[in-house]
Amino acid sequence: MTDQDYNNRTAEWMNQLESDPALKLRPLPDPDLLWMKAQLLERQARMAKMFNPVERLDMGLRIVLGCTFCWLALTFVASLSGELSVSIPHVWISVAVSVAVVIAAIAAYPVWAGE
């Protein structure tokens, strides 16, 4: 096949493509808009990857804060009530309350994060 034959077949194919009714129903999107969207998606993916350790640290700090709050509450309750501290070990109360606070923090995280 010569270059001229190839060019003629290409031109014929392009003319058929131009008169294709399926393409007339839905125009092709603007290439600049597609490029802009691709750049935006790439930037968002890089930002999400960059903030992944920060989100883990945030969750870890929430857990530590919950455990600290539980320990302070337990110490306060134990100082007020002598019989509670004798009948139930402090460790089990602290673990139960810490687990409840962590579950509440995990459940409330989407609300705090604004998602």
N, C-alpha and C. Protein backbone atom coordinates (compact mmCIF):
# COMPACT_ATOMS: atom_id res chain seq x y z
N MET A 1 0.86 -1.18 0.00
CA MET A 1 0.00 0.00 0.00
C MET A 1 0.90 1.23 0.00
N THR A 2 0.63 2.14 -0.86
CA THR A 2 1.44 3.36 -0.96
C THR A 2 0.91 4.41 0.01
N ASP A 3 1.69 5.43 0.16
CA ASP A 3 1.29 6.52 1.05
C ASP A 3 0.01 7.20 0.56
N GLN A 4 -0.12 7.33 -0.72
CA GLN A 4 -1.31 7.97 -1.29
C GLN A 4 -2.56 7.13 -1.01
N ASP A 5 -2.45 5.81 -1.16
CA ASP A 5 -3.58 4.93 -0.87
C ASP A 5 -3.94 5.01 0.62
N TYR A 6 -2.93 5.02 1.44
CA TYR A 6 -3.16 5.11 2.88
C TYR A 6 -3.85 6.43 3.22
N ASN A 7 -3.40 7.51 2.64
CA ASN A 7 -4.01 8.82 2.90
C ASN A 7 -5.45 8.86 2.40
N ASN A 8 -5.71 8.27 1.23
CA ASN A 8 -7.07 8.24 0.71
C ASN A 8 -8.00 7.43 1.61
N ARG A 9 -7.53 6.27 2.07
CA ARG A 9 -8.37 5.43 2.95
C ARG A 9 -8.61 6.13 4.29
N THR A 10 -7.57 6.82 4.78
CA THR A 10 -7.73 7.55 6.04
C THR A 10 -8.74 8.68 5.88
N ALA A 11 -8.66 9.40 4.77
CA ALA A 11 -9.60 10.50 4.53
C ALA A 11 -11.02 9.95 4.38
N GLU A 12 -11.16 8.83 3.70
CA GLU A 12 -12.49 8.21 3.56
C GLU A 12 -13.05 7.79 4.92
N TRP A 13 -12.19 7.20 5.73
CA TRP A 13 -12.64 6.78 7.07
C TRP A 13 -13.03 8.00 7.91
N MET A 14 -12.26 9.07 7.82
CA MET A 14 -12.57 10.28 8.59
C MET A 14 -13.89 10.89 8.12
N ASN A 15 -14.17 10.85 6.83
CA ASN A 15 -15.45 11.37 6.33
C ASN A 15 -16.61 10.52 6.82
N GLN A 16 -16.41 9.19 6.88
CA GLN A 16 -17.46 8.31 7.42
C GLN A 16 -17.67 8.60 8.91
N LEU A 17 -16.57 8.83 9.60
CA LEU A 17 -16.68 9.13 11.03
C LEU A 17 -17.41 10.45 11.25
N GLU A 18 -17.17 11.41 10.39
CA GLU A 18 -17.82 12.71 10.51
C GLU A 18 -19.32 12.60 10.29
N SER A 19 -19.74 11.71 9.42
CA SER A 19 -21.17 11.59 9.14
C SER A 19 -21.84 10.51 10.00
N ASP A 20 -21.15 9.99 10.97
CA ASP A 20 -21.71 8.97 11.85
C ASP A 20 -22.81 9.59 12.71
N PRO A 21 -24.04 9.04 12.70
CA PRO A 21 -25.13 9.65 13.48
C PRO A 21 -24.95 9.50 14.98
N ALA A 22 -24.23 8.49 15.42
CA ALA A 22 -24.03 8.31 16.86
C ALA A 22 -23.22 9.45 17.45
N LEU A 23 -22.27 9.95 16.70
CA LEU A 23 -21.45 11.07 17.19
C LEU A 23 -22.21 12.38 17.17
N LYS A 24 -23.21 12.49 16.32
CA LYS A 24 -23.98 13.73 16.26
C LYS A 24 -24.97 13.84 17.43
N LEU A 25 -25.35 12.69 18.01
CA LEU A 25 -26.26 12.72 19.15
C LEU A 25 -25.56 13.24 20.40
N ARG A 26 -24.31 12.86 20.55
CA ARG A 26 -23.57 13.27 21.74
C ARG A 26 -22.21 13.82 21.31
N PRO A 27 -22.00 15.10 21.45
CA PRO A 27 -20.72 15.67 21.03
C PRO A 27 -19.58 15.21 21.96
N LEU A 28 -18.39 15.21 21.42
CA LEU A 28 -17.22 14.85 22.21
C LEU A 28 -16.92 15.94 23.23
N PRO A 29 -16.41 15.56 24.40
CA PRO A 29 -16.11 16.59 25.41
C PRO A 29 -14.90 17.43 24.99
N ASP A 30 -14.82 18.57 25.60
CA ASP A 30 -13.72 19.48 25.33
C ASP A 30 -12.41 18.88 25.85
N PRO A 31 -11.37 18.76 25.02
CA PRO A 31 -10.12 18.16 25.49
C PRO A 31 -9.45 18.95 26.61
N ASP A 32 -9.59 20.26 26.61
CA ASP A 32 -9.01 21.06 27.69
C ASP A 32 -9.68 20.73 29.02
N LEU A 33 -10.99 20.54 28.98
CA LEU A 33 -11.72 20.19 30.19
C LEU A 33 -11.30 18.81 30.69
N LEU A 34 -11.13 17.87 29.78
CA LEU A 34 -10.67 16.54 30.17
C LEU A 34 -9.28 16.59 30.80
N TRP A 35 -8.39 17.38 30.22
CA TRP A 35 -7.04 17.52 30.75
C TRP A 35 -7.08 18.15 32.15
N MET A 36 -7.92 19.16 32.31
CA MET A 36 -8.04 19.81 33.61
C MET A 36 -8.56 18.84 34.67
N LYS A 37 -9.56 18.04 34.31
CA LYS A 37 -10.10 17.06 35.25
C LYS A 37 -9.06 16.02 35.62
N ALA A 38 -8.28 15.56 34.64
CA ALA A 38 -7.24 14.58 34.92
C ALA A 38 -6.19 15.15 35.86
N GLN A 39 -5.80 16.40 35.65
CA GLN A 39 -4.83 17.04 36.53
C GLN A 39 -5.39 17.19 37.95
N LEU A 40 -6.65 17.56 38.05
CA LEU A 40 -7.29 17.71 39.35
C LEU A 40 -7.38 16.38 40.09
N LEU A 41 -7.76 15.32 39.38
CA LEU A 41 -7.84 14.01 40.01
C LEU A 41 -6.47 13.53 40.46
N GLU A 42 -5.44 13.78 39.68
CA GLU A 42 -4.09 13.39 40.07
C GLU A 42 -3.64 14.15 41.32
N ARG A 43 -3.94 15.45 41.36
CA ARG A 43 -3.59 16.26 42.53
C ARG A 43 -4.33 15.79 43.77
N GLN A 44 -5.62 15.45 43.61
CA GLN A 44 -6.39 14.96 44.76
C GLN A 44 -5.85 13.63 45.25
N ALA A 45 -5.43 12.75 44.35
CA ALA A 45 -4.87 11.46 44.75
C ALA A 45 -3.56 11.66 45.51
N ARG A 46 -2.72 12.60 45.06
CA ARG A 46 -1.48 12.89 45.78
C ARG A 46 -1.75 13.45 47.16
N MET A 47 -2.75 14.33 47.26
CA MET A 47 -3.09 14.92 48.57
C MET A 47 -3.62 13.85 49.52
N ALA A 48 -4.48 12.95 49.01
CA ALA A 48 -5.01 11.88 49.86
C ALA A 48 -3.90 10.97 50.35
N LYS A 49 -2.95 10.67 49.48
CA LYS A 49 -1.82 9.83 49.87
C LYS A 49 -0.94 10.54 50.89
N MET A 50 -0.79 11.84 50.75
CA MET A 50 0.04 12.61 51.65
C MET A 50 -0.60 12.70 53.05
N PHE A 51 -1.93 12.82 53.12
CA PHE A 51 -2.61 12.99 54.40
C PHE A 51 -2.96 11.68 55.09
N ASN A 52 -2.68 10.53 54.48
CA ASN A 52 -3.00 9.25 55.09
C ASN A 52 -2.33 9.07 56.45
N PRO A 53 -1.03 9.35 56.63
CA PRO A 53 -0.43 9.23 57.98
C PRO A 53 -1.04 10.20 58.98
N VAL A 54 -1.44 11.37 58.52
CA VAL A 54 -2.04 12.35 59.42
C VAL A 54 -3.37 11.82 59.95
N GLU A 55 -4.15 11.17 59.10
CA GLU A 55 -5.42 10.62 59.53
C GLU A 55 -5.21 9.49 60.55
N ARG A 56 -4.18 8.66 60.33
CA ARG A 56 -3.88 7.60 61.29
C ARG A 56 -3.47 8.19 62.64
N LEU A 57 -2.63 9.20 62.60
CA LEU A 57 -2.20 9.86 63.83
C LEU A 57 -3.40 10.47 64.54
N ASP A 58 -4.30 11.07 63.79
CA ASP A 58 -5.50 11.67 64.36
C ASP A 58 -6.33 10.62 65.09
N MET A 59 -6.52 9.45 64.45
CA MET A 59 -7.31 8.40 65.09
C MET A 59 -6.59 7.88 66.34
N GLY A 60 -5.28 7.72 66.26
CA GLY A 60 -4.51 7.26 67.43
C GLY A 60 -4.61 8.24 68.58
N LEU A 61 -4.53 9.53 68.27
CA LEU A 61 -4.64 10.55 69.33
C LEU A 61 -6.04 10.57 69.94
N ARG A 62 -7.04 10.30 69.14
CA ARG A 62 -8.40 10.23 69.68
C ARG A 62 -8.53 9.06 70.66
N ILE A 63 -7.89 7.94 70.32
CA ILE A 63 -7.93 6.78 71.21
C ILE A 63 -7.20 7.09 72.51
N VAL A 64 -6.02 7.69 72.41
CA VAL A 64 -5.26 8.05 73.61
C VAL A 64 -6.04 9.05 74.45
N LEU A 65 -6.66 10.01 73.81
CA LEU A 65 -7.46 11.00 74.53
C LEU A 65 -8.65 10.33 75.23
N GLY A 66 -9.29 9.38 74.55
CA GLY A 66 -10.39 8.65 75.16
C GLY A 66 -9.94 7.84 76.37
N CYS A 67 -8.81 7.17 76.25
CA CYS A 67 -8.29 6.40 77.39
C CYS A 67 -7.92 7.32 78.55
N THR A 68 -7.32 8.46 78.25
CA THR A 68 -6.96 9.42 79.30
C THR A 68 -8.21 9.95 79.99
N PHE A 69 -9.23 10.26 79.21
CA PHE A 69 -10.49 10.73 79.78
C PHE A 69 -11.09 9.66 80.70
N CYS A 70 -11.05 8.41 80.23
CA CYS A 70 -11.59 7.33 81.05
C CYS A 70 -10.81 7.16 82.35
N TRP A 71 -9.50 7.26 82.26
CA TRP A 71 -8.69 7.13 83.47
C TRP A 71 -8.99 8.25 84.46
N LEU A 72 -9.13 9.48 83.94
CA LEU A 72 -9.46 10.60 84.82
C LEU A 72 -10.85 10.43 85.43
N ALA A 73 -11.81 9.99 84.63
CA ALA A 73 -13.16 9.78 85.15
C ALA A 73 -13.18 8.67 86.19
N LEU A 74 -12.44 7.61 85.91
CA LEU A 74 -12.38 6.50 86.86
C LEU A 74 -11.74 6.92 88.17
N THR A 75 -10.69 7.69 88.10
CA THR A 75 -10.03 8.19 89.31
C THR A 75 -10.97 9.08 90.10
N PHE A 76 -11.73 9.92 89.41
CA PHE A 76 -12.68 10.79 90.08
C PHE A 76 -13.80 9.99 90.75
N VAL A 77 -14.33 8.99 90.03
CA VAL A 77 -15.40 8.16 90.59
C VAL A 77 -14.88 7.34 91.77
N ALA A 78 -13.66 6.84 91.64
CA ALA A 78 -13.09 6.04 92.73
C ALA A 78 -12.85 6.89 93.97
N SER A 79 -12.51 8.14 93.79
CA SER A 79 -12.30 9.00 94.95
C SER A 79 -13.63 9.35 95.63
N LEU A 80 -14.73 9.38 94.86
CA LEU A 80 -16.03 9.70 95.44
C LEU A 80 -16.70 8.49 96.08
N SER A 81 -16.53 7.33 95.48
CA SER A 81 -17.25 6.15 95.93
C SER A 81 -16.26 5.04 96.29
N GLY A 82 -16.20 4.73 97.56
CA GLY A 82 -15.27 3.70 98.04
C GLY A 82 -15.76 2.30 97.72
N GLU A 83 -17.08 2.04 97.79
CA GLU A 83 -17.57 0.68 97.58
C GLU A 83 -17.48 0.24 96.11
N LEU A 84 -17.60 1.16 95.17
CA LEU A 84 -17.48 0.80 93.76
C LEU A 84 -16.05 0.34 93.45
N SER A 85 -15.09 1.01 94.03
CA SER A 85 -13.70 0.66 93.75
C SER A 85 -13.32 -0.67 94.40
N VAL A 86 -14.05 -1.09 95.41
CA VAL A 86 -13.75 -2.37 96.07
C VAL A 86 -14.39 -3.53 95.32
N SER A 87 -15.62 -3.36 94.83
CA SER A 87 -16.33 -4.48 94.22
C SER A 87 -15.90 -4.77 92.78
N ILE A 88 -15.54 -3.76 92.00
CA ILE A 88 -15.13 -3.95 90.60
C ILE A 88 -13.72 -3.40 90.45
N PRO A 89 -12.82 -4.21 89.90
CA PRO A 89 -11.44 -3.73 89.72
C PRO A 89 -11.39 -2.53 88.76
N HIS A 90 -10.49 -1.61 89.05
CA HIS A 90 -10.36 -0.39 88.25
C HIS A 90 -10.03 -0.70 86.79
N VAL A 91 -9.25 -1.73 86.58
CA VAL A 91 -8.81 -2.05 85.22
C VAL A 91 -10.01 -2.39 84.34
N TRP A 92 -10.94 -3.19 84.84
CA TRP A 92 -12.09 -3.60 84.03
C TRP A 92 -13.02 -2.44 83.74
N ILE A 93 -13.19 -1.56 84.70
CA ILE A 93 -14.02 -0.38 84.47
C ILE A 93 -13.35 0.51 83.42
N SER A 94 -12.05 0.70 83.56
CA SER A 94 -11.32 1.53 82.61
C SER A 94 -11.37 0.95 81.20
N VAL A 95 -11.20 -0.36 81.07
CA VAL A 95 -11.25 -1.00 79.76
C VAL A 95 -12.64 -0.86 79.15
N ALA A 96 -13.68 -1.09 79.93
CA ALA A 96 -15.04 -1.01 79.40
C ALA A 96 -15.37 0.40 78.95
N VAL A 97 -15.03 1.39 79.75
CA VAL A 97 -15.33 2.77 79.39
C VAL A 97 -14.48 3.21 78.19
N SER A 98 -13.22 2.78 78.17
CA SER A 98 -12.34 3.14 77.04
C SER A 98 -12.86 2.56 75.74
N VAL A 99 -13.29 1.32 75.78
CA VAL A 99 -13.84 0.70 74.57
C VAL A 99 -15.09 1.44 74.12
N ALA A 100 -15.94 1.84 75.06
CA ALA A 100 -17.15 2.57 74.70
C ALA A 100 -16.81 3.92 74.08
N VAL A 101 -15.83 4.62 74.64
CA VAL A 101 -15.44 5.93 74.09
C VAL A 101 -14.82 5.77 72.72
N VAL A 102 -14.00 4.74 72.53
CA VAL A 102 -13.37 4.51 71.22
C VAL A 102 -14.43 4.19 70.18
N ILE A 103 -15.39 3.35 70.53
CA ILE A 103 -16.46 3.02 69.59
C ILE A 103 -17.27 4.28 69.23
N ALA A 104 -17.54 5.10 70.23
CA ALA A 104 -18.26 6.35 69.96
C ALA A 104 -17.43 7.29 69.08
N ALA A 105 -16.11 7.35 69.31
CA ALA A 105 -15.26 8.22 68.49
C ALA A 105 -15.19 7.72 67.05
N ILE A 106 -15.10 6.41 66.87
CA ILE A 106 -15.06 5.85 65.52
C ILE A 106 -16.39 6.10 64.81
N ALA A 107 -17.48 5.96 65.53
CA ALA A 107 -18.80 6.19 64.93
C ALA A 107 -19.02 7.66 64.59
N ALA A 108 -18.46 8.55 65.40
CA ALA A 108 -18.66 9.99 65.20
C ALA A 108 -17.62 10.60 64.27
N TYR A 109 -16.60 9.84 63.87
CA TYR A 109 -15.53 10.40 63.04
C TYR A 109 -16.03 11.02 61.74
N PRO A 110 -16.94 10.37 61.00
CA PRO A 110 -17.42 11.03 59.78
C PRO A 110 -18.11 12.37 60.03
N VAL A 111 -18.77 12.49 61.16
CA VAL A 111 -19.41 13.77 61.50
C VAL A 111 -18.35 14.83 61.80
N TRP A 112 -17.32 14.45 62.57
CA TRP A 112 -16.26 15.39 62.90
C TRP A 112 -15.44 15.79 61.68
N ALA A 113 -15.24 14.84 60.78
CA ALA A 113 -14.44 15.10 59.59
C ALA A 113 -15.24 15.86 58.53
N GLY A 114 -16.53 15.95 58.71
CA GLY A 114 -17.37 16.66 57.75
C GLY A 114 -17.64 15.87 56.49
N GLU A 115 -17.66 14.56 56.57
CA GLU A 115 -17.88 13.72 55.39
C GLU A 115 -19.35 13.39 55.23
